[in-house]
Amino acid sequence: MATSKIYKDFILEQLNLADNITVKPMMGEYLLYKDGVLFGGIYDNRLLVKITATNKKYGLDSALPYSGAKPMYSVHDVDDKEKLKNIISDTCKGLL
């Protein structure tokens, strides 16, 4: 199942507090970048971020973006924009 444009637009609106977020479509899903760093994506209408030592403190559940992929963290509480900003920031810190 591919991600709907409505859900993608909703997530991007929720991420508007985080600076320099870009999105690239990829086979019906969307890859998310901050300052050019791939930190996660929108897969099957789910926001997933890469697992790093710096974002474990949020206690997020792991999920597979697609069969055969590495696990990622699933962000369920997408309504809290400030928390999302912090999760993205901490995820990117762990990827640098």
N, C-alpha and C. Protein backbone atom coordinates (compact mmCIF):
# COMPACT_ATOMS: atom_id res chain seq x y z
N MET A 1 0.84 -1.18 0.00
CA MET A 1 0.00 0.00 0.00
C MET A 1 0.88 1.24 0.00
N ALA A 2 0.65 2.12 -0.89
CA ALA A 2 1.43 3.36 -0.98
C ALA A 2 0.85 4.41 -0.04
N THR A 3 1.68 5.37 0.31
CA THR A 3 1.26 6.48 1.16
C THR A 3 0.40 7.43 0.35
N SER A 4 -0.68 7.91 0.97
CA SER A 4 -1.55 8.86 0.28
C SER A 4 -0.92 10.25 0.29
N LYS A 5 -1.26 11.02 -0.73
CA LYS A 5 -0.77 12.40 -0.80
C LYS A 5 -1.30 13.21 0.37
N ILE A 6 -2.52 12.94 0.80
CA ILE A 6 -3.12 13.66 1.93
C ILE A 6 -2.30 13.43 3.20
N TYR A 7 -1.90 12.17 3.46
CA TYR A 7 -1.11 11.89 4.65
C TYR A 7 0.28 12.52 4.54
N LYS A 8 0.88 12.43 3.37
CA LYS A 8 2.20 13.05 3.16
C LYS A 8 2.13 14.55 3.44
N ASP A 9 1.13 15.22 2.91
CA ASP A 9 0.97 16.66 3.13
C ASP A 9 0.74 16.97 4.61
N PHE A 10 -0.03 16.12 5.29
CA PHE A 10 -0.28 16.30 6.72
C PHE A 10 1.03 16.21 7.51
N ILE A 11 1.84 15.20 7.22
CA ILE A 11 3.11 15.02 7.93
C ILE A 11 4.04 16.21 7.66
N LEU A 12 4.11 16.65 6.43
CA LEU A 12 4.97 17.80 6.12
C LEU A 12 4.49 19.05 6.85
N GLU A 13 3.20 19.21 7.00
CA GLU A 13 2.67 20.33 7.77
C GLU A 13 3.07 20.19 9.25
N GLN A 14 3.03 18.98 9.76
CA GLN A 14 3.41 18.75 11.15
C GLN A 14 4.90 19.00 11.37
N LEU A 15 5.70 18.82 10.35
CA LEU A 15 7.15 19.00 10.45
C LEU A 15 7.59 20.44 10.15
N ASN A 16 6.64 21.36 10.00
CA ASN A 16 7.01 22.72 9.59
C ASN A 16 7.81 23.48 10.64
N LEU A 17 7.88 23.02 11.89
CA LEU A 17 8.73 23.68 12.89
C LEU A 17 10.21 23.34 12.70
N ALA A 18 10.46 22.21 12.06
CA ALA A 18 11.84 21.80 11.81
C ALA A 18 12.31 22.47 10.51
N ASP A 19 13.46 23.10 10.56
CA ASP A 19 13.99 23.81 9.40
C ASP A 19 14.60 22.84 8.39
N ASN A 20 14.56 23.26 7.13
CA ASN A 20 15.26 22.58 6.03
C ASN A 20 14.86 21.13 5.83
N ILE A 21 13.57 20.85 5.92
CA ILE A 21 13.05 19.51 5.64
C ILE A 21 12.71 19.45 4.15
N THR A 22 13.21 18.41 3.50
CA THR A 22 12.85 18.17 2.10
C THR A 22 12.33 16.74 1.98
N VAL A 23 11.57 16.53 0.92
CA VAL A 23 10.96 15.23 0.70
C VAL A 23 11.22 14.80 -0.74
N LYS A 24 11.48 13.50 -0.91
CA LYS A 24 11.69 12.95 -2.25
C LYS A 24 10.79 11.72 -2.40
N PRO A 25 9.98 11.70 -3.47
CA PRO A 25 9.14 10.52 -3.69
C PRO A 25 10.00 9.32 -4.10
N MET A 26 9.60 8.14 -3.62
CA MET A 26 10.34 6.93 -3.94
C MET A 26 9.36 5.75 -3.97
N MET A 27 8.97 5.34 -5.16
CA MET A 27 8.14 4.16 -5.37
C MET A 27 6.86 4.18 -4.52
N GLY A 28 6.14 5.28 -4.52
CA GLY A 28 4.88 5.39 -3.80
C GLY A 28 5.03 5.80 -2.36
N GLU A 29 6.25 5.94 -1.90
CA GLU A 29 6.52 6.36 -0.53
C GLU A 29 7.35 7.65 -0.60
N TYR A 30 7.78 8.17 0.56
CA TYR A 30 8.48 9.45 0.59
C TYR A 30 9.67 9.39 1.54
N LEU A 31 10.83 9.78 1.05
CA LEU A 31 12.03 9.87 1.88
C LEU A 31 12.13 11.28 2.44
N LEU A 32 12.52 11.39 3.71
CA LEU A 32 12.60 12.68 4.38
C LEU A 32 14.05 13.02 4.72
N TYR A 33 14.42 14.26 4.43
CA TYR A 33 15.78 14.75 4.66
C TYR A 33 15.72 16.03 5.48
N LYS A 34 16.71 16.22 6.33
CA LYS A 34 16.90 17.49 7.03
C LYS A 34 18.33 17.92 6.77
N ASP A 35 18.49 19.10 6.19
CA ASP A 35 19.82 19.60 5.83
C ASP A 35 20.58 18.58 4.99
N GLY A 36 19.87 17.89 4.11
CA GLY A 36 20.50 16.92 3.22
C GLY A 36 20.76 15.56 3.83
N VAL A 37 20.40 15.36 5.09
CA VAL A 37 20.62 14.08 5.78
C VAL A 37 19.32 13.27 5.75
N LEU A 38 19.37 12.07 5.20
CA LEU A 38 18.21 11.18 5.18
C LEU A 38 17.97 10.67 6.61
N PHE A 39 16.85 11.08 7.20
CA PHE A 39 16.57 10.70 8.58
C PHE A 39 15.37 9.77 8.72
N GLY A 40 14.57 9.64 7.67
CA GLY A 40 13.40 8.79 7.77
C GLY A 40 12.55 8.85 6.53
N GLY A 41 11.30 8.46 6.69
CA GLY A 41 10.40 8.47 5.56
C GLY A 41 8.97 8.26 5.97
N ILE A 42 8.11 8.37 4.99
CA ILE A 42 6.69 8.11 5.17
C ILE A 42 6.39 6.85 4.36
N TYR A 43 6.05 5.78 5.06
CA TYR A 43 5.82 4.48 4.45
C TYR A 43 4.45 3.97 4.86
N ASP A 44 3.62 3.65 3.89
CA ASP A 44 2.28 3.11 4.17
C ASP A 44 1.53 3.95 5.20
N ASN A 45 1.55 5.26 5.00
CA ASN A 45 0.88 6.20 5.90
C ASN A 45 1.39 6.10 7.34
N ARG A 46 2.70 5.90 7.48
CA ARG A 46 3.36 5.87 8.80
C ARG A 46 4.62 6.71 8.70
N LEU A 47 4.88 7.52 9.73
CA LEU A 47 6.12 8.28 9.81
C LEU A 47 7.15 7.42 10.53
N LEU A 48 8.24 7.10 9.85
CA LEU A 48 9.31 6.30 10.41
C LEU A 48 10.61 7.09 10.37
N VAL A 49 11.41 6.93 11.44
CA VAL A 49 12.73 7.57 11.50
C VAL A 49 13.78 6.50 11.76
N LYS A 50 14.99 6.78 11.32
CA LYS A 50 16.09 5.84 11.54
C LYS A 50 16.35 5.68 13.03
N ILE A 51 16.79 4.52 13.41
CA ILE A 51 17.14 4.23 14.80
C ILE A 51 18.56 4.72 15.06
N THR A 52 18.70 5.57 16.07
CA THR A 52 20.02 6.07 16.47
C THR A 52 20.12 6.04 17.99
N ALA A 53 21.32 6.14 18.50
CA ALA A 53 21.52 6.20 19.95
C ALA A 53 20.89 7.46 20.54
N THR A 54 20.77 8.50 19.73
CA THR A 54 20.28 9.79 20.23
C THR A 54 18.75 9.90 20.25
N ASN A 55 18.04 8.95 19.64
CA ASN A 55 16.57 9.04 19.68
C ASN A 55 15.93 7.87 20.44
N LYS A 56 16.72 7.02 21.06
CA LYS A 56 16.17 5.90 21.83
C LYS A 56 15.38 6.38 23.04
N LYS A 57 15.70 7.57 23.56
CA LYS A 57 15.06 8.09 24.76
C LYS A 57 13.56 8.33 24.59
N TYR A 58 13.07 8.35 23.36
CA TYR A 58 11.65 8.61 23.11
C TYR A 58 10.79 7.35 23.25
N GLY A 59 11.42 6.19 23.37
CA GLY A 59 10.68 4.95 23.57
C GLY A 59 9.75 4.59 22.42
N LEU A 60 10.18 4.86 21.21
CA LEU A 60 9.37 4.59 20.02
C LEU A 60 9.40 3.10 19.68
N ASP A 61 8.33 2.61 19.09
CA ASP A 61 8.26 1.22 18.65
C ASP A 61 9.03 1.06 17.34
N SER A 62 9.64 -0.10 17.15
CA SER A 62 10.31 -0.34 15.87
C SER A 62 9.31 -0.93 14.87
N ALA A 63 9.57 -0.65 13.61
CA ALA A 63 8.72 -1.13 12.52
C ALA A 63 9.57 -1.27 11.27
N LEU A 64 9.12 -2.10 10.36
CA LEU A 64 9.80 -2.25 9.08
C LEU A 64 9.11 -1.36 8.05
N PRO A 65 9.88 -0.55 7.33
CA PRO A 65 9.24 0.28 6.29
C PRO A 65 8.72 -0.57 5.13
N TYR A 66 9.41 -1.67 4.85
CA TYR A 66 8.99 -2.60 3.80
C TYR A 66 9.74 -3.91 4.04
N SER A 67 9.31 -4.96 3.42
CA SER A 67 9.90 -6.28 3.62
C SER A 67 11.38 -6.28 3.25
N GLY A 68 12.21 -6.79 4.15
CA GLY A 68 13.65 -6.89 3.90
C GLY A 68 14.44 -5.66 4.31
N ALA A 69 13.77 -4.62 4.80
CA ALA A 69 14.46 -3.39 5.21
C ALA A 69 14.93 -3.49 6.65
N LYS A 70 15.83 -2.58 7.02
CA LYS A 70 16.26 -2.47 8.41
C LYS A 70 15.12 -1.87 9.22
N PRO A 71 15.00 -2.27 10.48
CA PRO A 71 13.96 -1.66 11.33
C PRO A 71 14.20 -0.16 11.51
N MET A 72 13.11 0.55 11.70
CA MET A 72 13.13 1.98 11.97
C MET A 72 12.18 2.22 13.14
N TYR A 73 12.22 3.42 13.69
CA TYR A 73 11.26 3.78 14.74
C TYR A 73 10.00 4.36 14.11
N SER A 74 8.86 3.93 14.61
CA SER A 74 7.58 4.46 14.17
C SER A 74 7.15 5.58 15.12
N VAL A 75 6.84 6.74 14.56
CA VAL A 75 6.40 7.88 15.35
C VAL A 75 4.88 7.93 15.27
N HIS A 76 4.24 7.55 16.37
CA HIS A 76 2.77 7.49 16.39
C HIS A 76 2.14 8.83 16.73
N ASP A 77 2.76 9.59 17.63
CA ASP A 77 2.20 10.86 18.07
C ASP A 77 2.65 11.98 17.14
N VAL A 78 1.99 12.06 16.00
CA VAL A 78 2.39 13.05 15.00
C VAL A 78 1.66 14.39 15.18
N ASP A 79 0.83 14.48 16.21
CA ASP A 79 0.10 15.73 16.45
C ASP A 79 0.90 16.73 17.26
N ASP A 80 1.95 16.28 17.96
CA ASP A 80 2.77 17.16 18.79
C ASP A 80 3.95 17.67 17.97
N LYS A 81 3.79 18.85 17.38
CA LYS A 81 4.82 19.40 16.48
C LYS A 81 6.16 19.63 17.18
N GLU A 82 6.12 20.09 18.41
CA GLU A 82 7.37 20.35 19.14
C GLU A 82 8.13 19.04 19.41
N LYS A 83 7.40 18.01 19.78
CA LYS A 83 8.04 16.71 20.01
C LYS A 83 8.61 16.16 18.70
N LEU A 84 7.86 16.30 17.62
CA LEU A 84 8.36 15.86 16.31
C LEU A 84 9.66 16.57 15.96
N LYS A 85 9.69 17.86 16.18
CA LYS A 85 10.90 18.64 15.90
C LYS A 85 12.08 18.08 16.69
N ASN A 86 11.85 17.77 17.96
CA ASN A 86 12.92 17.23 18.80
C ASN A 86 13.36 15.84 18.36
N ILE A 87 12.40 15.00 17.99
CA ILE A 87 12.74 13.65 17.50
C ILE A 87 13.60 13.74 16.25
N ILE A 88 13.21 14.60 15.32
CA ILE A 88 13.95 14.76 14.06
C ILE A 88 15.35 15.29 14.35
N SER A 89 15.44 16.30 15.20
CA SER A 89 16.73 16.88 15.55
C SER A 89 17.66 15.84 16.19
N ASP A 90 17.14 15.10 17.16
CA ASP A 90 17.95 14.08 17.82
C ASP A 90 18.32 12.94 16.87
N THR A 91 17.42 12.58 15.99
CA THR A 91 17.73 11.54 15.01
C THR A 91 18.88 11.98 14.12
N CYS A 92 18.80 13.20 13.62
CA CYS A 92 19.86 13.72 12.74
C CYS A 92 21.20 13.84 13.47
N LYS A 93 21.18 14.23 14.73
CA LYS A 93 22.43 14.30 15.51
C LYS A 93 23.10 12.94 15.55
N GLY A 94 22.32 11.88 15.66
CA GLY A 94 22.87 10.54 15.71
C GLY A 94 23.37 10.03 14.37
N LEU A 95 23.00 10.70 13.30
CA LEU A 95 23.41 10.27 11.95
C LEU A 95 24.65 11.01 11.45
N LEU A 96 25.09 12.02 12.16
CA LEU A 96 26.24 12.81 11.72
C LEU A 96 27.55 12.22 12.22
